[in-house]
Every structure is written in C-alpha cells, then in structure tokens.
Amino acid sequence: MPNREAKDAEEAKALADIEACGCHILYVLEDDEHPPFAYSVGIEHNFKVPELVVIGLKPELSLTIINEYCRRVRSGERFNVGERASGFLGGGFDCQFGAVHPDHYPEYFGWDIWFYDGRDFRLMQLIFPTTSGIWPWDAEADEWFRKRQPLLDQPPSPN
C-alpha cells in the first residue's frame, strides 16, 4: 500500500476498500461542465493494470462496470487501449477501452492523485456505444451523446 495515512473517515474508507475489495470507487455527480462519471482508485496498485473511468452512466451501472473490471483483472484477465470487450454492459453490447491523457488527471482524478502521492499511475476509459450501436467517434453520433461521454484520450482543449 502506498505510504498513505488516513486523515479523515473518507480516506480511511478508501484505504480499507482498496485493501479489502481491490479498489475504491468514486462517483462524481454531473455539473455544468461535466457529465457524471465514476472511477477506480487502487486497481493499478493491487493488480498492475490501469485504473478505470466510466463517463455518462447512472451510478449503479458505473459501479457495476468498475467492480466487474476489478473482478476480472483480479482473476488475471488483461485489457488494452483500443481493445473491445464484452460482459461489462447488459444487452450483449461490447465496450471499448480508450486511453486517458494525463493532462485530464488533475480535473477528474483527485483521489488517484492523492492515493498514488506523486507516483505515476495509468487510467483507461471504458467507452460504450448507444443502444443503436453508435460509438461517440462515429459520424452518426449526436452532440448530446458526444457531450455525455467525452473521450479523454487527447489533452483538454483550452477554453
């Protein structure tokens, strides 16, 4: 475990979850600038694979996806950027893993920064299609869907 000492009950819970369950998951509510998102803390520490972020889904589904990722990497399965995988979304839909540019870390992943305390860590984004099978990068994807699931593989654009 990184040299972390809990300063409050939230930090103590995060450290206990990482030790007992393999990860701690945070769900961040939607605001004016960002759709809701969930991300893991501790997966790379425990299993030497990237942390995971899911953007734009409801809390229950986001938590289920990250828990499934944690379960699967704990059992030895590995996923790579650009790879498609099944079993994370209902209805037989595949998802795809995308890169997360480190320039997004300060804006989105404060608990990972806290946990890894200045050490490098990696993140992947679980990207999902619409129920019609349209991906965010497809020409047919509408603006709402693109904003609901921004892709974090490029540095943030300056305002």
N, C-alpha and C. Protein backbone atom coordinates (compact mmCIF):
# COMPACT_ATOMS: atom_id res chain seq x y z
N MET A 1 0.87 -1.19 0.00
CA MET A 1 0.00 0.00 0.00
C MET A 1 0.90 1.23 0.00
N PRO A 2 0.60 2.23 -0.85
CA PRO A 2 1.40 3.45 -0.79
C PRO A 2 1.40 4.00 0.64
N ASN A 3 2.38 4.77 0.92
CA ASN A 3 2.53 5.33 2.26
C ASN A 3 1.43 6.34 2.55
N ARG A 4 0.23 5.88 2.73
CA ARG A 4 -0.91 6.76 2.97
C ARG A 4 -1.40 6.55 4.37
N GLU A 5 -1.66 7.64 5.03
CA GLU A 5 -2.31 7.61 6.34
C GLU A 5 -3.60 8.37 6.19
N ALA A 6 -4.67 7.80 6.66
CA ALA A 6 -5.97 8.45 6.54
C ALA A 6 -6.04 9.65 7.50
N LYS A 7 -6.50 10.77 6.95
CA LYS A 7 -6.66 11.97 7.76
C LYS A 7 -8.11 12.16 8.20
N ASP A 8 -9.02 11.40 7.59
CA ASP A 8 -10.43 11.50 7.97
C ASP A 8 -11.15 10.20 7.62
N ALA A 9 -12.43 10.15 7.90
CA ALA A 9 -13.21 8.92 7.70
C ALA A 9 -13.28 8.54 6.22
N GLU A 10 -13.39 9.52 5.32
CA GLU A 10 -13.46 9.20 3.88
C GLU A 10 -12.17 8.54 3.40
N GLU A 11 -11.03 9.08 3.81
CA GLU A 11 -9.76 8.49 3.42
C GLU A 11 -9.59 7.10 4.02
N ALA A 12 -10.03 6.93 5.27
CA ALA A 12 -9.95 5.61 5.92
C ALA A 12 -10.79 4.59 5.17
N LYS A 13 -12.00 4.99 4.73
CA LYS A 13 -12.86 4.09 3.97
C LYS A 13 -12.21 3.72 2.64
N ALA A 14 -11.63 4.71 1.95
CA ALA A 14 -10.97 4.45 0.66
C ALA A 14 -9.85 3.43 0.85
N LEU A 15 -9.01 3.63 1.84
CA LEU A 15 -7.89 2.71 2.07
C LEU A 15 -8.38 1.31 2.45
N ALA A 16 -9.43 1.24 3.27
CA ALA A 16 -10.00 -0.06 3.65
C ALA A 16 -10.59 -0.77 2.43
N ASP A 17 -11.31 -0.04 1.57
CA ASP A 17 -11.88 -0.64 0.36
C ASP A 17 -10.78 -1.19 -0.56
N ILE A 18 -9.70 -0.41 -0.73
CA ILE A 18 -8.60 -0.82 -1.60
C ILE A 18 -7.97 -2.10 -1.09
N GLU A 19 -7.82 -2.19 0.22
CA GLU A 19 -7.22 -3.39 0.80
C GLU A 19 -8.18 -4.58 0.74
N ALA A 20 -9.44 -4.37 1.09
CA ALA A 20 -10.39 -5.48 1.19
C ALA A 20 -10.98 -5.89 -0.16
N CYS A 21 -11.26 -4.93 -1.02
CA CYS A 21 -12.01 -5.20 -2.26
C CYS A 21 -11.16 -5.08 -3.53
N GLY A 22 -9.96 -4.53 -3.41
CA GLY A 22 -9.13 -4.32 -4.59
C GLY A 22 -9.17 -2.91 -5.10
N CYS A 23 -10.25 -2.18 -4.78
CA CYS A 23 -10.33 -0.78 -5.22
C CYS A 23 -11.39 -0.03 -4.43
N HIS A 24 -11.32 1.26 -4.54
CA HIS A 24 -12.34 2.18 -4.02
C HIS A 24 -12.91 2.86 -5.26
N ILE A 25 -14.22 3.08 -5.30
CA ILE A 25 -14.85 3.70 -6.46
C ILE A 25 -15.50 5.01 -6.04
N LEU A 26 -15.25 6.04 -6.84
CA LEU A 26 -15.89 7.34 -6.60
C LEU A 26 -16.85 7.63 -7.73
N TYR A 27 -18.02 8.13 -7.39
CA TYR A 27 -19.00 8.56 -8.38
C TYR A 27 -19.14 10.07 -8.22
N VAL A 28 -18.91 10.80 -9.30
CA VAL A 28 -18.94 12.26 -9.28
C VAL A 28 -20.19 12.71 -10.02
N LEU A 29 -21.01 13.48 -9.35
CA LEU A 29 -22.27 13.93 -9.94
C LEU A 29 -22.04 14.91 -11.08
N GLU A 30 -23.01 14.97 -11.95
CA GLU A 30 -22.98 15.89 -13.09
C GLU A 30 -22.94 17.33 -12.59
N ASP A 31 -22.22 18.19 -13.32
CA ASP A 31 -22.24 19.63 -13.03
C ASP A 31 -22.34 20.38 -14.35
N ASP A 32 -22.18 21.68 -14.33
CA ASP A 32 -22.33 22.48 -15.55
C ASP A 32 -21.32 22.12 -16.63
N GLU A 33 -20.15 21.65 -16.22
CA GLU A 33 -19.08 21.39 -17.18
C GLU A 33 -18.86 19.92 -17.50
N HIS A 34 -19.31 19.01 -16.63
CA HIS A 34 -19.01 17.59 -16.82
C HIS A 34 -20.25 16.73 -16.63
N PRO A 35 -20.36 15.68 -17.45
CA PRO A 35 -21.39 14.67 -17.17
C PRO A 35 -20.96 13.88 -15.94
N PRO A 36 -21.85 13.06 -15.38
CA PRO A 36 -21.44 12.26 -14.22
C PRO A 36 -20.38 11.24 -14.65
N PHE A 37 -19.52 10.87 -13.70
CA PHE A 37 -18.52 9.85 -14.02
C PHE A 37 -18.12 9.12 -12.74
N ALA A 38 -17.58 7.92 -12.95
CA ALA A 38 -17.09 7.10 -11.83
C ALA A 38 -15.70 6.62 -12.20
N TYR A 39 -14.87 6.48 -11.16
CA TYR A 39 -13.52 5.99 -11.42
C TYR A 39 -13.00 5.20 -10.22
N SER A 40 -12.01 4.36 -10.53
CA SER A 40 -11.43 3.49 -9.50
C SER A 40 -10.17 4.11 -8.91
N VAL A 41 -9.88 3.69 -7.70
CA VAL A 41 -8.62 4.02 -7.02
C VAL A 41 -8.09 2.72 -6.43
N GLY A 42 -6.86 2.38 -6.74
CA GLY A 42 -6.22 1.22 -6.13
C GLY A 42 -6.03 0.01 -7.03
N ILE A 43 -6.70 -0.01 -8.18
CA ILE A 43 -6.58 -1.19 -9.06
C ILE A 43 -5.15 -1.34 -9.58
N GLU A 44 -4.54 -0.24 -10.01
CA GLU A 44 -3.17 -0.37 -10.51
C GLU A 44 -2.23 -0.81 -9.38
N HIS A 45 -2.42 -0.29 -8.20
CA HIS A 45 -1.59 -0.68 -7.06
C HIS A 45 -1.72 -2.19 -6.80
N ASN A 46 -2.94 -2.70 -6.81
CA ASN A 46 -3.17 -4.10 -6.47
C ASN A 46 -2.92 -5.08 -7.60
N PHE A 47 -3.20 -4.68 -8.84
CA PHE A 47 -3.18 -5.65 -9.94
C PHE A 47 -2.28 -5.26 -11.10
N LYS A 48 -1.59 -4.13 -10.99
CA LYS A 48 -0.62 -3.67 -12.01
C LYS A 48 -1.26 -3.47 -13.37
N VAL A 49 -2.51 -3.03 -13.38
CA VAL A 49 -3.22 -2.66 -14.61
C VAL A 49 -3.82 -1.27 -14.39
N PRO A 50 -4.18 -0.56 -15.47
CA PRO A 50 -4.70 0.80 -15.29
C PRO A 50 -5.98 0.87 -14.47
N GLU A 51 -6.15 2.01 -13.80
CA GLU A 51 -7.42 2.36 -13.18
C GLU A 51 -8.45 2.50 -14.29
N LEU A 52 -9.74 2.58 -13.94
CA LEU A 52 -10.80 2.67 -14.95
C LEU A 52 -11.72 3.83 -14.64
N VAL A 53 -12.13 4.55 -15.70
CA VAL A 53 -13.13 5.60 -15.58
C VAL A 53 -14.28 5.28 -16.55
N VAL A 54 -15.50 5.55 -16.09
CA VAL A 54 -16.72 5.38 -16.89
C VAL A 54 -17.44 6.72 -16.83
N ILE A 55 -17.75 7.29 -17.98
CA ILE A 55 -18.36 8.62 -18.03
C ILE A 55 -19.76 8.55 -18.64
N GLY A 56 -20.71 9.21 -17.98
CA GLY A 56 -22.04 9.41 -18.57
C GLY A 56 -23.10 8.40 -18.22
N LEU A 57 -22.81 7.45 -17.35
CA LEU A 57 -23.80 6.44 -16.99
C LEU A 57 -24.30 6.68 -15.56
N LYS A 58 -25.42 6.05 -15.24
CA LYS A 58 -26.00 6.17 -13.90
C LYS A 58 -25.09 5.50 -12.87
N PRO A 59 -25.21 5.91 -11.60
CA PRO A 59 -24.30 5.37 -10.57
C PRO A 59 -24.27 3.85 -10.50
N GLU A 60 -25.43 3.21 -10.46
CA GLU A 60 -25.47 1.75 -10.28
C GLU A 60 -24.72 1.03 -11.39
N LEU A 61 -24.95 1.45 -12.63
CA LEU A 61 -24.29 0.80 -13.77
C LEU A 61 -22.79 1.10 -13.76
N SER A 62 -22.42 2.33 -13.47
CA SER A 62 -21.00 2.70 -13.42
C SER A 62 -20.26 1.86 -12.38
N LEU A 63 -20.85 1.73 -11.19
CA LEU A 63 -20.21 0.95 -10.12
C LEU A 63 -20.12 -0.53 -10.49
N THR A 64 -21.17 -1.05 -11.11
CA THR A 64 -21.18 -2.45 -11.55
C THR A 64 -20.06 -2.69 -12.56
N ILE A 65 -19.89 -1.78 -13.51
CA ILE A 65 -18.85 -1.93 -14.54
C ILE A 65 -17.46 -1.93 -13.90
N ILE A 66 -17.20 -0.99 -13.01
CA ILE A 66 -15.87 -0.91 -12.41
C ILE A 66 -15.62 -2.12 -11.51
N ASN A 67 -16.62 -2.55 -10.77
CA ASN A 67 -16.46 -3.76 -9.96
C ASN A 67 -16.19 -4.99 -10.82
N GLU A 68 -16.84 -5.08 -11.97
CA GLU A 68 -16.62 -6.20 -12.89
C GLU A 68 -15.19 -6.14 -13.44
N TYR A 69 -14.73 -4.96 -13.81
CA TYR A 69 -13.34 -4.79 -14.28
C TYR A 69 -12.37 -5.26 -13.19
N CYS A 70 -12.59 -4.81 -11.96
CA CYS A 70 -11.72 -5.18 -10.84
C CYS A 70 -11.74 -6.70 -10.65
N ARG A 71 -12.92 -7.30 -10.69
CA ARG A 71 -13.04 -8.75 -10.53
C ARG A 71 -12.28 -9.48 -11.63
N ARG A 72 -12.42 -9.01 -12.85
CA ARG A 72 -11.79 -9.69 -13.99
C ARG A 72 -10.27 -9.53 -13.98
N VAL A 73 -9.77 -8.35 -13.63
CA VAL A 73 -8.31 -8.20 -13.58
C VAL A 73 -7.72 -8.96 -12.38
N ARG A 74 -8.47 -9.03 -11.29
CA ARG A 74 -8.02 -9.82 -10.13
C ARG A 74 -7.84 -11.29 -10.54
N SER A 75 -8.72 -11.78 -11.43
CA SER A 75 -8.62 -13.18 -11.86
C SER A 75 -7.61 -13.38 -13.00
N GLY A 76 -6.89 -12.30 -13.37
CA GLY A 76 -5.81 -12.44 -14.34
C GLY A 76 -6.11 -11.93 -15.74
N GLU A 77 -7.33 -11.51 -16.00
CA GLU A 77 -7.67 -11.00 -17.33
C GLU A 77 -7.02 -9.63 -17.52
N ARG A 78 -6.61 -9.31 -18.74
CA ARG A 78 -5.99 -8.02 -19.04
C ARG A 78 -6.68 -7.37 -20.22
N PHE A 79 -6.78 -6.05 -20.17
CA PHE A 79 -7.45 -5.27 -21.22
C PHE A 79 -6.49 -4.18 -21.67
N ASN A 80 -6.58 -3.83 -22.96
CA ASN A 80 -5.67 -2.84 -23.54
C ASN A 80 -6.45 -1.75 -24.26
N VAL A 81 -5.83 -0.58 -24.36
CA VAL A 81 -6.40 0.52 -25.11
C VAL A 81 -6.67 0.06 -26.54
N GLY A 82 -7.87 0.40 -27.03
CA GLY A 82 -8.25 0.04 -28.39
C GLY A 82 -8.95 -1.32 -28.48
N GLU A 83 -8.91 -2.08 -27.42
CA GLU A 83 -9.50 -3.42 -27.40
C GLU A 83 -10.98 -3.34 -27.06
N ARG A 84 -11.76 -4.19 -27.71
CA ARG A 84 -13.17 -4.32 -27.37
C ARG A 84 -13.35 -5.50 -26.44
N ALA A 85 -14.35 -5.39 -25.58
CA ALA A 85 -14.61 -6.45 -24.61
C ALA A 85 -16.10 -6.56 -24.38
N SER A 86 -16.55 -7.75 -24.01
CA SER A 86 -17.96 -7.96 -23.70
C SER A 86 -18.10 -8.27 -22.22
N GLY A 87 -19.34 -8.29 -21.76
CA GLY A 87 -19.62 -8.68 -20.39
C GLY A 87 -19.65 -7.53 -19.39
N PHE A 88 -19.42 -6.31 -19.85
CA PHE A 88 -19.47 -5.17 -18.94
C PHE A 88 -20.83 -4.47 -18.99
N LEU A 89 -21.45 -4.50 -20.15
CA LEU A 89 -22.75 -3.85 -20.36
C LEU A 89 -23.80 -4.91 -20.60
N GLY A 90 -25.01 -4.65 -20.16
CA GLY A 90 -26.10 -5.58 -20.44
C GLY A 90 -26.46 -5.57 -21.92
N GLY A 91 -27.35 -6.43 -22.31
CA GLY A 91 -27.87 -6.42 -23.67
C GLY A 91 -26.90 -6.90 -24.72
N GLY A 92 -25.80 -7.51 -24.33
CA GLY A 92 -24.86 -8.04 -25.31
C GLY A 92 -24.00 -6.99 -25.99
N PHE A 93 -23.98 -5.77 -25.48
CA PHE A 93 -23.18 -4.71 -26.09
C PHE A 93 -21.72 -4.84 -25.68
N ASP A 94 -20.85 -4.67 -26.65
CA ASP A 94 -19.42 -4.59 -26.35
C ASP A 94 -19.10 -3.18 -25.89
N CYS A 95 -17.97 -3.04 -25.23
CA CYS A 95 -17.43 -1.73 -24.91
C CYS A 95 -16.01 -1.71 -25.49
N GLN A 96 -15.39 -0.56 -25.45
CA GLN A 96 -14.01 -0.45 -25.92
C GLN A 96 -13.23 0.35 -24.89
N PHE A 97 -11.96 -0.01 -24.72
CA PHE A 97 -11.11 0.71 -23.79
C PHE A 97 -10.35 1.80 -24.52
N GLY A 98 -10.37 3.00 -23.94
CA GLY A 98 -9.68 4.14 -24.52
C GLY A 98 -8.62 4.67 -23.57
N ALA A 99 -7.65 5.36 -24.15
CA ALA A 99 -6.60 5.98 -23.35
C ALA A 99 -7.16 7.20 -22.62
N VAL A 100 -6.50 7.56 -21.53
CA VAL A 100 -6.81 8.80 -20.82
C VAL A 100 -5.52 9.61 -20.77
N HIS A 101 -5.55 10.80 -21.34
CA HIS A 101 -4.37 11.66 -21.36
C HIS A 101 -4.10 12.19 -19.95
N PRO A 102 -2.84 12.13 -19.49
CA PRO A 102 -2.52 12.58 -18.12
C PRO A 102 -2.91 14.04 -17.82
N ASP A 103 -3.06 14.87 -18.84
CA ASP A 103 -3.47 16.25 -18.59
C ASP A 103 -4.88 16.34 -18.01
N HIS A 104 -5.66 15.28 -18.14
CA HIS A 104 -7.01 15.25 -17.53
C HIS A 104 -6.97 14.86 -16.05
N TYR A 105 -5.88 14.29 -15.59
CA TYR A 105 -5.83 13.78 -14.22
C TYR A 105 -6.22 14.81 -13.17
N PRO A 106 -5.64 16.02 -13.18
CA PRO A 106 -5.97 16.97 -12.11
C PRO A 106 -7.46 17.34 -12.07
N GLU A 107 -8.10 17.43 -13.22
CA GLU A 107 -9.50 17.84 -13.29
C GLU A 107 -10.45 16.73 -12.85
N TYR A 108 -10.11 15.49 -13.16
CA TYR A 108 -11.04 14.38 -12.94
C TYR A 108 -10.67 13.43 -11.78
N PHE A 109 -9.39 13.22 -11.52
CA PHE A 109 -8.97 12.06 -10.74
C PHE A 109 -8.20 12.42 -9.47
N GLY A 110 -8.75 13.33 -8.68
CA GLY A 110 -8.09 13.81 -7.47
C GLY A 110 -7.77 12.72 -6.46
N TRP A 111 -8.65 11.73 -6.31
CA TRP A 111 -8.40 10.66 -5.33
C TRP A 111 -7.26 9.76 -5.78
N ASP A 112 -7.12 9.54 -7.09
CA ASP A 112 -5.97 8.77 -7.57
C ASP A 112 -4.68 9.54 -7.31
N ILE A 113 -4.71 10.84 -7.56
CA ILE A 113 -3.53 11.66 -7.30
C ILE A 113 -3.17 11.59 -5.81
N TRP A 114 -4.17 11.66 -4.96
CA TRP A 114 -3.94 11.55 -3.51
C TRP A 114 -3.34 10.18 -3.18
N PHE A 115 -3.97 9.12 -3.67
CA PHE A 115 -3.55 7.77 -3.31
C PHE A 115 -2.13 7.46 -3.80
N TYR A 116 -1.84 7.81 -5.05
CA TYR A 116 -0.53 7.48 -5.61
C TYR A 116 0.54 8.50 -5.22
N ASP A 117 0.15 9.59 -4.61
CA ASP A 117 1.06 10.54 -3.96
C ASP A 117 2.26 10.91 -4.83
N GLY A 118 1.97 11.37 -6.05
CA GLY A 118 3.04 11.83 -6.92
C GLY A 118 3.66 10.76 -7.79
N ARG A 119 3.36 9.50 -7.51
CA ARG A 119 3.88 8.42 -8.36
C ARG A 119 2.99 8.29 -9.59
N ASP A 120 3.55 7.80 -10.66
CA ASP A 120 2.79 7.62 -11.89
C ASP A 120 1.72 6.54 -11.71
N PHE A 121 0.60 6.76 -12.35
CA PHE A 121 -0.44 5.74 -12.44
C PHE A 121 -1.11 5.91 -13.80
N ARG A 122 -1.78 4.86 -14.23
CA ARG A 122 -2.42 4.87 -15.54
C ARG A 122 -3.92 4.74 -15.38
N LEU A 123 -4.63 5.27 -16.36
CA LEU A 123 -6.09 5.18 -16.40
C LEU A 123 -6.52 4.79 -17.80
N MET A 124 -7.59 4.00 -17.88
CA MET A 124 -8.25 3.73 -19.15
C MET A 124 -9.70 4.15 -19.00
N GLN A 125 -10.30 4.52 -20.13
CA GLN A 125 -11.72 4.88 -20.16
C GLN A 125 -12.50 3.75 -20.80
N LEU A 126 -13.57 3.33 -20.14
CA LEU A 126 -14.47 2.36 -20.75
C LEU A 126 -15.46 3.14 -21.59
N ILE A 127 -15.44 2.91 -22.90
CA ILE A 127 -16.28 3.64 -23.85
C ILE A 127 -17.38 2.70 -24.32
N PHE A 128 -18.59 3.22 -24.35
CA PHE A 128 -19.75 2.40 -24.72
C PHE A 128 -20.49 3.04 -25.89
N PRO A 129 -21.18 2.21 -26.70
CA PRO A 129 -21.99 2.73 -27.80
C PRO A 129 -23.40 3.06 -27.33
N THR A 130 -24.15 3.71 -28.19
CA THR A 130 -25.58 3.90 -27.93
C THR A 130 -26.27 2.55 -28.07
N THR A 131 -27.53 2.48 -27.69
CA THR A 131 -28.28 1.23 -27.85
C THR A 131 -28.47 0.88 -29.33
N SER A 132 -28.21 1.84 -30.22
CA SER A 132 -28.25 1.58 -31.67
C SER A 132 -26.88 1.14 -32.20
N GLY A 133 -25.89 1.03 -31.31
CA GLY A 133 -24.56 0.58 -31.73
C GLY A 133 -23.67 1.69 -32.27
N ILE A 134 -24.01 2.94 -32.00
CA ILE A 134 -23.22 4.07 -32.49
C ILE A 134 -22.20 4.46 -31.41
N TRP A 135 -20.94 4.59 -31.83
CA TRP A 135 -19.86 4.97 -30.91
C TRP A 135 -19.71 6.49 -30.92
N PRO A 136 -19.13 7.08 -29.88
CA PRO A 136 -19.00 8.55 -29.83
C PRO A 136 -18.21 9.14 -31.00
N TRP A 137 -17.31 8.37 -31.60
CA TRP A 137 -16.50 8.88 -32.70
C TRP A 137 -17.17 8.68 -34.06
N ASP A 138 -18.29 7.98 -34.10
CA ASP A 138 -19.00 7.76 -35.36
C ASP A 138 -19.65 9.06 -35.84
N ALA A 139 -19.69 9.23 -37.16
CA ALA A 139 -20.30 10.43 -37.75
C ALA A 139 -21.76 10.56 -37.34
N GLU A 140 -22.43 9.42 -37.12
CA GLU A 140 -23.86 9.43 -36.76
C GLU A 140 -24.12 9.82 -35.30
N ALA A 141 -23.07 9.87 -34.49
CA ALA A 141 -23.25 10.20 -33.06
C ALA A 141 -23.72 11.64 -32.92
N ASP A 142 -24.79 11.82 -32.14
CA ASP A 142 -25.29 13.19 -31.98
C ASP A 142 -24.50 13.94 -30.90
N GLU A 143 -24.68 15.24 -30.89
CA GLU A 143 -23.93 16.12 -29.98
C GLU A 143 -24.19 15.78 -28.52
N TRP A 144 -25.44 15.42 -28.17
CA TRP A 144 -25.75 15.07 -26.79
C TRP A 144 -24.92 13.88 -26.33
N PHE A 145 -24.86 12.84 -27.17
CA PHE A 145 -24.11 11.64 -26.81
C PHE A 145 -22.61 11.94 -26.69
N ARG A 146 -22.08 12.76 -27.59
CA ARG A 146 -20.66 13.12 -27.52
C ARG A 146 -20.34 13.91 -26.26
N LYS A 147 -21.26 14.79 -25.85
CA LYS A 147 -21.03 15.57 -24.62
C LYS A 147 -21.24 14.70 -23.38
N ARG A 148 -22.12 13.72 -23.48
CA ARG A 148 -22.42 12.84 -22.36
C ARG A 148 -21.25 11.89 -22.07
N GLN A 149 -20.47 11.59 -23.11
CA GLN A 149 -19.35 10.68 -22.97
C GLN A 149 -18.11 11.26 -23.67
N PRO A 150 -17.54 12.33 -23.10
CA PRO A 150 -16.36 12.89 -23.75
C PRO A 150 -15.19 11.89 -23.71
N LEU A 151 -14.43 11.85 -24.78
CA LEU A 151 -13.28 10.96 -24.84
C LEU A 151 -12.06 11.70 -24.28
N LEU A 152 -11.35 11.06 -23.38
CA LEU A 152 -10.28 11.72 -22.65
C LEU A 152 -8.88 11.37 -23.17
N ASP A 153 -8.80 10.88 -24.42
CA ASP A 153 -7.51 10.45 -24.94
C ASP A 153 -6.62 11.60 -25.41
N GLN A 154 -7.19 12.78 -25.59
CA GLN A 154 -6.42 13.96 -26.01
C GLN A 154 -6.36 14.95 -24.85
N PRO A 155 -5.34 15.83 -24.84
CA PRO A 155 -5.29 16.85 -23.77
C PRO A 155 -6.55 17.72 -23.83
N PRO A 156 -6.95 18.31 -22.68
CA PRO A 156 -8.13 19.18 -22.71
C PRO A 156 -7.86 20.36 -23.65
N SER A 157 -8.91 20.77 -24.34
CA SER A 157 -8.75 21.94 -25.22
C SER A 157 -8.81 23.20 -24.37
N PRO A 158 -7.96 24.19 -24.69
CA PRO A 158 -8.01 25.44 -23.92
C PRO A 158 -9.34 26.14 -24.12
N ASN A 159 -9.82 26.76 -23.07
CA ASN A 159 -11.14 27.43 -23.15
C ASN A 159 -11.06 28.68 -23.98
